[in-house]
């Protein structure tokens, strides 16, 4: 598949990035039953995208949910896109030449890392770790084998997320094993990366949608330890989906939204935002936990209480 070049048309609308589903979800059923599965590192930063705005004649940028400007930035990403620099300049030239493409990456932050994990190689600061490209004309995400050579030719290869393996018909254990050896941006530290993302080029799920699958290692370990007989279903749902990894990411999002570096446990606003965010995320996973626990009877009042208790426990243990 070859991405279309574009003929100077203005394509300045915002494109929200695909939601990367858990590998065991309905959306990803059958994903691993393909040849040429790309297994890439999962990086804990902040989702960012860039494209060419032909109307304004500039490099436009967005967070996961919003178009950014200097008055409504996301951890300095818009300011970075507006300031000359090697990666930014190469991205701008690439996007100007291909206005039909949107480049997605993980914005790592400027002074401090934007994600919950702060131990990445400091050289990753002030970079967008590129992990995907969307073609507006084709209305689909391009395979890695298509977009990587294009961006490499533009001199952007050093900022790509790492491909850990390309596998035919892997098992879940195969990709977990690869994830446990992932040291992208962590070389020499002895620390393992957050997890992995699996892509099957050209594959669409049973609903006709492009879908990617993820495994977050903290979640995987938690899943293996849980015993359905020992705890009630509401608490088990909370323990499985509100892992330390997910909680840390939510705390980081609240800090970014409040423009602070650290979570204030005495701030009712921040605690309330965290509770609301975690509850929404838990409800977003409803289809997955209904399947996982075989259509359980769930008391949503108890589930909400368990969610808030988990938030309180996490904040007390990790943010105090």
Protein backbone atom coordinates (compact mmCIF):
# COMPACT_ATOMS: atom_id res chain seq x y z
CA UNK A 1 0.00 0.00 0.00
CA UNK A 2 1.38 3.40 -0.98
CA UNK A 3 0.24 6.57 0.71
CA UNK A 4 -1.09 9.19 -1.65
CA UNK A 5 1.10 12.24 -2.03
CA UNK A 6 -1.51 14.98 -1.81
CA UNK A 7 -1.96 17.84 -4.25
CA UNK A 8 -1.85 20.89 -2.03
CA UNK A 9 -5.34 20.41 -0.65
CA UNK A 10 -6.03 21.76 2.81
CA UNK A 11 -6.78 18.94 5.21
CA UNK A 12 -6.79 20.64 8.57
CA UNK A 13 -9.44 18.77 10.56
CA UNK A 14 -8.64 16.98 13.79
CA UNK A 15 -8.25 13.19 13.79
CA UNK A 16 -8.58 11.42 17.14
CA UNK A 17 -6.25 8.43 17.48
CA UNK A 18 -7.68 4.94 17.51
CA UNK A 19 -8.34 3.53 20.98
CA UNK A 20 -5.82 0.75 21.54
CA UNK A 21 -7.83 -2.09 23.07
CA UNK A 22 -6.73 -4.76 25.52
CA UNK A 23 -5.55 -7.75 23.55
CA UNK A 24 -8.16 -9.99 25.20
CA UNK A 25 -11.10 -7.74 24.25
CA UNK A 26 -13.79 -8.49 21.65
CA UNK A 27 -12.36 -5.76 19.42
CA UNK A 28 -9.08 -7.69 19.13
CA UNK A 29 -10.50 -11.21 18.78
CA UNK A 30 -8.50 -12.90 16.01
CA UNK A 31 -5.79 -10.23 15.81
CA UNK A 32 -2.96 -12.64 16.59
CA UNK A 33 -4.22 -15.16 14.02
CA UNK A 34 -2.34 -13.39 11.24
CA UNK A 35 1.08 -13.30 9.63
CA UNK A 36 3.40 -10.35 10.04
CA UNK A 37 2.20 -9.13 13.45
CA UNK A 38 4.16 -6.03 14.45
CA UNK A 39 4.96 -6.01 18.16
CA UNK A 40 6.09 -2.54 19.22
CA UNK A 41 7.06 -0.96 22.52
CA UNK A 42 4.35 0.86 24.47
CA UNK A 43 5.58 4.18 25.81
CA UNK A 44 4.10 6.10 28.73
CA UNK A 45 3.81 9.67 27.53
CA UNK A 46 1.00 11.88 26.21
CA UNK A 47 -0.70 11.22 22.88
CA UNK A 48 0.10 13.86 20.27
CA UNK A 49 -0.49 14.33 16.56
CA UNK A 50 0.72 16.70 13.85
CA UNK A 51 -0.46 17.48 10.33
CA UNK A 52 -0.24 20.27 7.80
CA UNK A 53 -2.87 23.01 8.09
CA UNK A 54 -3.00 24.40 4.57
CA UNK A 55 -5.38 27.23 5.51
CA UNK A 56 -3.07 28.60 8.21
CA UNK A 57 0.08 27.41 6.40
CA UNK A 58 1.54 25.86 9.53
CA UNK A 59 2.14 22.61 11.37
CA UNK A 60 -1.03 21.91 13.35
CA UNK A 61 -1.02 19.77 16.46
CA UNK A 62 -3.39 18.09 18.89
CA UNK A 63 -3.53 16.07 22.07
CA UNK A 64 -5.64 12.91 22.17
CA UNK A 65 -8.87 14.88 22.43
CA UNK A 66 -8.28 18.48 21.35
CA UNK A 67 -6.59 20.70 18.80
CA UNK A 68 -3.92 22.69 20.63
CA UNK A 69 -2.82 26.30 20.53
CA UNK A 70 -0.41 28.31 22.62
CA UNK A 71 -3.21 29.38 24.97
CA UNK A 72 -4.50 25.81 25.38
CA UNK A 73 -1.37 23.68 25.25
CA UNK A 74 -0.65 20.16 26.50
CA UNK A 75 2.58 19.91 28.49
CA UNK A 76 4.32 22.26 26.04
CA UNK A 77 3.59 20.24 22.89
CA UNK A 78 2.11 23.13 20.90
CA UNK A 79 5.00 25.38 21.91
CA UNK A 80 7.41 22.66 20.72
CA UNK A 81 5.59 22.43 17.38
CA UNK A 82 5.87 26.21 16.96
CA UNK A 83 9.59 26.35 17.73
CA UNK A 84 12.32 25.43 15.21
CA UNK A 85 14.12 22.20 16.05
CA UNK A 86 15.47 19.21 14.18
CA UNK A 87 12.60 16.76 14.66
CA UNK A 88 9.94 19.45 14.44
CA UNK A 89 11.44 20.89 11.24
CA UNK A 90 11.58 17.47 9.59
CA UNK A 91 8.00 16.73 10.64
CA UNK A 92 6.84 20.06 9.25
CA UNK A 93 8.53 19.46 5.89
CA UNK A 94 7.13 15.94 5.72
CA UNK A 95 3.57 17.00 6.58
CA UNK A 96 3.62 19.99 4.23
CA UNK A 97 4.53 17.66 1.37
CA UNK A 98 1.80 15.17 2.34
CA UNK A 99 -1.18 17.12 3.70
CA UNK A 100 -3.34 14.00 3.62
CA UNK A 101 -1.28 12.36 6.38
CA UNK A 102 -1.53 12.72 10.16
CA UNK A 103 1.52 11.66 12.18
CA UNK A 104 0.86 10.27 15.66
CA UNK A 105 3.32 9.88 18.48
CA UNK A 106 3.91 9.97 22.19
CA UNK A 107 4.85 13.45 23.38
CA UNK A 108 7.44 12.90 26.09
CA UNK A 109 7.45 16.37 27.65
CA UNK A 110 9.99 19.16 28.11
CA UNK A 111 11.27 19.64 31.67
CA UNK A 112 9.82 16.38 32.97
CA UNK A 113 8.28 13.35 31.33
CA UNK A 114 4.55 13.69 30.75
CA UNK A 115 3.62 10.13 31.75
CA UNK A 116 3.45 8.52 35.15
CA UNK A 117 6.83 6.87 34.63
CA UNK A 118 9.73 9.32 34.93
CA UNK A 119 12.70 6.98 34.45
CA UNK A 120 13.15 7.11 30.68
CA UNK A 121 16.43 8.16 29.09
CA UNK A 122 16.56 11.95 29.49
CA UNK A 123 17.42 12.26 25.80
CA UNK A 124 13.79 11.38 25.07
CA UNK A 125 12.64 14.71 26.51
CA UNK A 126 11.62 17.27 23.89
CA UNK A 127 10.73 14.53 21.40
CA UNK A 128 7.66 13.04 19.80
CA UNK A 129 8.12 9.26 19.71
CA UNK A 130 6.40 8.42 16.41
CA UNK A 131 4.22 5.31 16.35
CA UNK A 132 1.61 5.66 13.58
CA UNK A 133 0.38 7.52 10.50
CA UNK A 134 -3.20 8.00 9.28
CA UNK A 135 -4.03 8.63 5.61
CA UNK A 136 -7.14 10.80 5.23
CA UNK A 137 -7.57 9.87 1.56
CA UNK A 138 -7.48 6.14 2.23
CA UNK A 139 -9.35 6.66 5.52
CA UNK A 140 -7.12 4.20 7.35
CA UNK A 141 -3.95 3.85 9.38
CA UNK A 142 -0.99 2.87 7.25
CA UNK A 143 0.94 -0.34 7.90
CA UNK A 144 4.30 0.12 9.60
CA UNK A 145 5.95 -1.29 6.49
CA UNK A 146 4.49 1.65 4.55
CA UNK A 147 4.93 4.65 6.83
CA UNK A 148 8.28 3.77 8.38
CA UNK A 149 10.23 3.93 5.07
CA UNK A 150 8.49 7.20 4.14
CA UNK A 151 9.36 8.93 7.39
CA UNK A 152 12.83 7.40 7.45
CA UNK A 153 13.46 8.98 4.05
CA UNK A 154 12.48 12.29 5.66
CA UNK A 155 15.16 11.77 8.33
CA UNK A 156 12.78 10.90 11.16
CA UNK A 157 13.81 7.31 11.86
CA UNK A 158 15.66 8.05 15.09
CA UNK A 159 12.35 9.14 16.66
CA UNK A 160 10.40 5.97 15.80
CA UNK A 161 8.99 3.73 18.49
CA UNK A 162 10.93 0.47 18.46
CA UNK A 163 9.66 -2.61 16.65
CA UNK A 164 10.39 -5.44 19.09
CA UNK A 165 9.43 -8.29 16.74
CA UNK A 166 7.46 -9.23 13.64
CA UNK A 167 5.74 -12.58 14.20
CA UNK A 168 3.46 -15.01 12.38
CA UNK A 169 0.49 -16.27 14.41
CA UNK A 170 2.01 -15.54 17.85
CA UNK A 171 0.40 -16.60 21.10
CA UNK A 172 -0.30 -14.23 23.98
CA UNK A 173 2.60 -15.84 25.85
CA UNK A 174 4.87 -15.10 22.87
CA UNK A 175 4.14 -11.39 22.93
CA UNK A 176 4.27 -11.19 26.73
CA UNK A 177 7.72 -12.79 26.63
CA UNK A 178 8.84 -10.12 24.16
CA UNK A 179 7.33 -7.41 26.34
CA UNK A 180 9.35 -8.58 29.32
CA UNK A 181 12.53 -7.94 27.33
CA UNK A 182 11.49 -4.47 26.16
CA UNK A 183 14.07 -1.88 27.20
CA UNK A 184 13.17 0.86 24.70
CA UNK A 185 14.35 4.20 26.16
CA UNK A 186 15.43 2.21 29.24
CA UNK A 187 18.66 0.66 27.99
CA UNK A 188 21.07 -0.28 30.77
CA UNK A 189 18.65 0.47 33.61
CA UNK A 190 17.39 -3.06 34.23
CA UNK A 191 13.84 -1.69 34.05
CA UNK A 192 11.27 -3.23 31.70
CA UNK A 193 8.96 -1.07 29.59
CA UNK A 194 5.27 -0.51 30.26
CA UNK A 195 4.06 -3.06 27.75
CA UNK A 196 3.57 -3.80 24.07
CA UNK A 197 1.21 -2.99 21.19
CA UNK A 198 0.29 -5.55 18.50
CA UNK A 199 -0.73 -4.56 14.97
CA UNK A 200 -1.80 -6.83 12.11
CA UNK A 201 -1.29 -4.94 8.81
CA UNK A 202 -4.51 -4.70 6.81
CA UNK A 203 -6.52 -6.63 9.40
CA UNK A 204 -10.03 -5.59 10.44
CA UNK A 205 -11.97 -7.10 13.29
CA UNK A 206 -15.40 -8.76 13.25
CA UNK A 207 -17.00 -5.30 13.31
CA UNK A 208 -15.10 -4.15 10.21
CA UNK A 209 -12.82 -1.81 12.15
CA UNK A 210 -9.06 -1.43 12.29
CA UNK A 211 -7.99 -2.43 15.79
CA UNK A 212 -4.73 -2.67 17.70
CA UNK A 213 -4.17 -4.72 20.84
CA UNK A 214 -2.11 -3.91 23.93
CA UNK A 215 -0.78 -5.73 26.93
CA UNK A 216 0.32 -3.67 29.92
CA UNK A 217 2.59 -5.92 31.96
CA UNK A 218 1.29 -4.72 35.31
CA UNK A 219 -2.24 -5.66 34.20
CA UNK A 220 -1.12 -9.04 32.90
CA UNK A 221 0.53 -9.94 36.19
CA UNK A 222 -2.53 -8.76 38.11
CA UNK A 223 -4.81 -10.90 35.93
CA UNK A 224 -2.76 -14.01 36.57
CA UNK A 225 -2.94 -13.49 40.35
CA UNK A 226 -6.67 -12.91 40.70
CA UNK A 227 -8.95 -15.64 41.99
CA UNK A 228 -12.62 -15.24 41.09
CA UNK A 229 -13.77 -17.35 44.01
CA UNK A 230 -12.01 -15.30 46.66
CA UNK A 231 -13.54 -11.84 46.08
CA UNK A 232 -16.81 -10.28 44.93
CA UNK A 233 -17.21 -9.37 41.26
CA UNK A 234 -17.29 -5.58 41.82
CA UNK A 235 -13.98 -5.67 43.66
CA UNK A 236 -12.47 -8.03 41.09
CA UNK A 237 -13.46 -5.71 38.23
CA UNK A 238 -11.79 -2.81 40.04
CA UNK A 239 -8.62 -4.80 40.78
CA UNK A 240 -8.33 -6.05 37.21
CA UNK A 241 -8.97 -2.76 35.38
CA UNK A 242 -7.73 -0.18 37.89
CA UNK A 243 -4.16 -1.46 38.07
CA UNK A 244 -1.24 0.58 39.36
CA UNK A 245 -0.21 1.26 35.75
CA UNK A 246 -3.64 2.63 34.81
CA UNK A 247 -3.91 4.62 38.04
CA UNK A 248 -0.50 6.20 37.51
CA UNK A 249 -1.50 7.27 34.00
CA UNK A 250 -4.73 8.81 35.31
CA UNK A 251 -2.84 10.71 38.03
CA UNK A 252 -0.46 12.05 35.36
CA UNK A 253 -3.44 13.21 33.25
CA UNK A 254 -4.94 15.06 36.22
CA UNK A 255 -1.58 16.74 36.90
CA UNK A 256 -1.32 17.84 33.26
CA UNK A 257 -4.90 19.15 33.31
CA UNK A 258 -4.11 21.17 36.45
CA UNK A 259 -0.69 22.29 35.12
CA UNK A 260 1.19 20.93 38.14
CA UNK A 261 4.12 18.54 38.46
CA UNK A 262 2.83 16.57 41.46
CA UNK A 263 -0.55 15.35 42.64
CA UNK A 264 -1.85 17.25 45.69
CA UNK A 265 -3.65 14.77 47.95
CA UNK A 266 -5.25 17.66 49.88
CA UNK A 267 -6.84 19.15 46.76
CA UNK A 268 -10.52 18.22 46.56
CA UNK A 269 -10.50 19.31 42.93
CA UNK A 270 -7.69 16.94 41.95
CA UNK A 271 -9.04 14.00 43.95
CA UNK A 272 -12.50 14.58 42.49
CA UNK A 273 -11.11 14.76 38.96
CA UNK A 274 -9.22 11.51 39.52
CA UNK A 275 -12.30 9.74 40.86
CA UNK A 276 -14.41 10.92 37.92
CA UNK A 277 -11.76 9.98 35.37
CA UNK A 278 -11.29 6.48 36.83
CA UNK A 279 -15.04 5.90 36.96
CA UNK A 280 -15.47 6.92 33.30
CA UNK A 281 -12.58 4.68 32.29
CA UNK A 282 -14.10 1.77 34.22
CA UNK A 283 -17.45 2.26 32.46
CA UNK A 284 -15.69 2.47 29.09
CA UNK A 285 -14.40 -1.05 29.76
CA UNK A 286 -17.90 -2.37 30.52
CA UNK A 287 -18.17 -4.54 27.40
CA UNK A 288 -14.84 -6.16 28.23
CA UNK A 289 -15.62 -7.01 31.85
CA UNK A 290 -19.11 -8.21 30.98
CA UNK A 291 -17.48 -10.71 28.62
CA UNK A 292 -14.62 -11.58 30.96
CA UNK A 293 -16.87 -12.35 33.93
CA UNK A 294 -19.59 -13.98 31.79
CA UNK A 295 -22.41 -11.42 32.12
CA UNK A 296 -22.18 -10.96 35.89
CA UNK A 297 -24.77 -9.30 38.07
CA UNK A 298 -23.10 -6.04 39.05
CA UNK A 299 -24.22 -3.62 41.74
CA UNK A 300 -23.12 -0.29 40.27
CA UNK A 301 -23.39 1.45 43.61
CA UNK A 302 -20.92 -1.04 45.07
CA UNK A 303 -18.78 -0.79 41.95
CA UNK A 304 -18.63 2.99 42.29
CA UNK A 305 -17.73 2.64 45.97
CA UNK A 306 -14.99 0.13 45.14
CA UNK A 307 -13.68 2.48 42.46
CA UNK A 308 -13.47 5.41 44.88
CA UNK A 309 -11.87 3.21 47.53
CA UNK A 310 -9.24 2.11 45.03
CA UNK A 311 -8.53 5.75 44.18
CA UNK A 312 -8.17 6.60 47.86
CA UNK A 313 -5.85 3.64 48.49
CA UNK A 314 -3.68 4.47 45.48
CA UNK A 315 -3.43 8.16 46.33
CA UNK A 316 -2.55 7.36 49.94
CA UNK A 317 0.13 4.84 48.97
CA UNK A 318 1.71 6.50 45.95
CA UNK A 319 0.96 10.24 46.12
CA UNK A 320 1.22 11.06 49.81
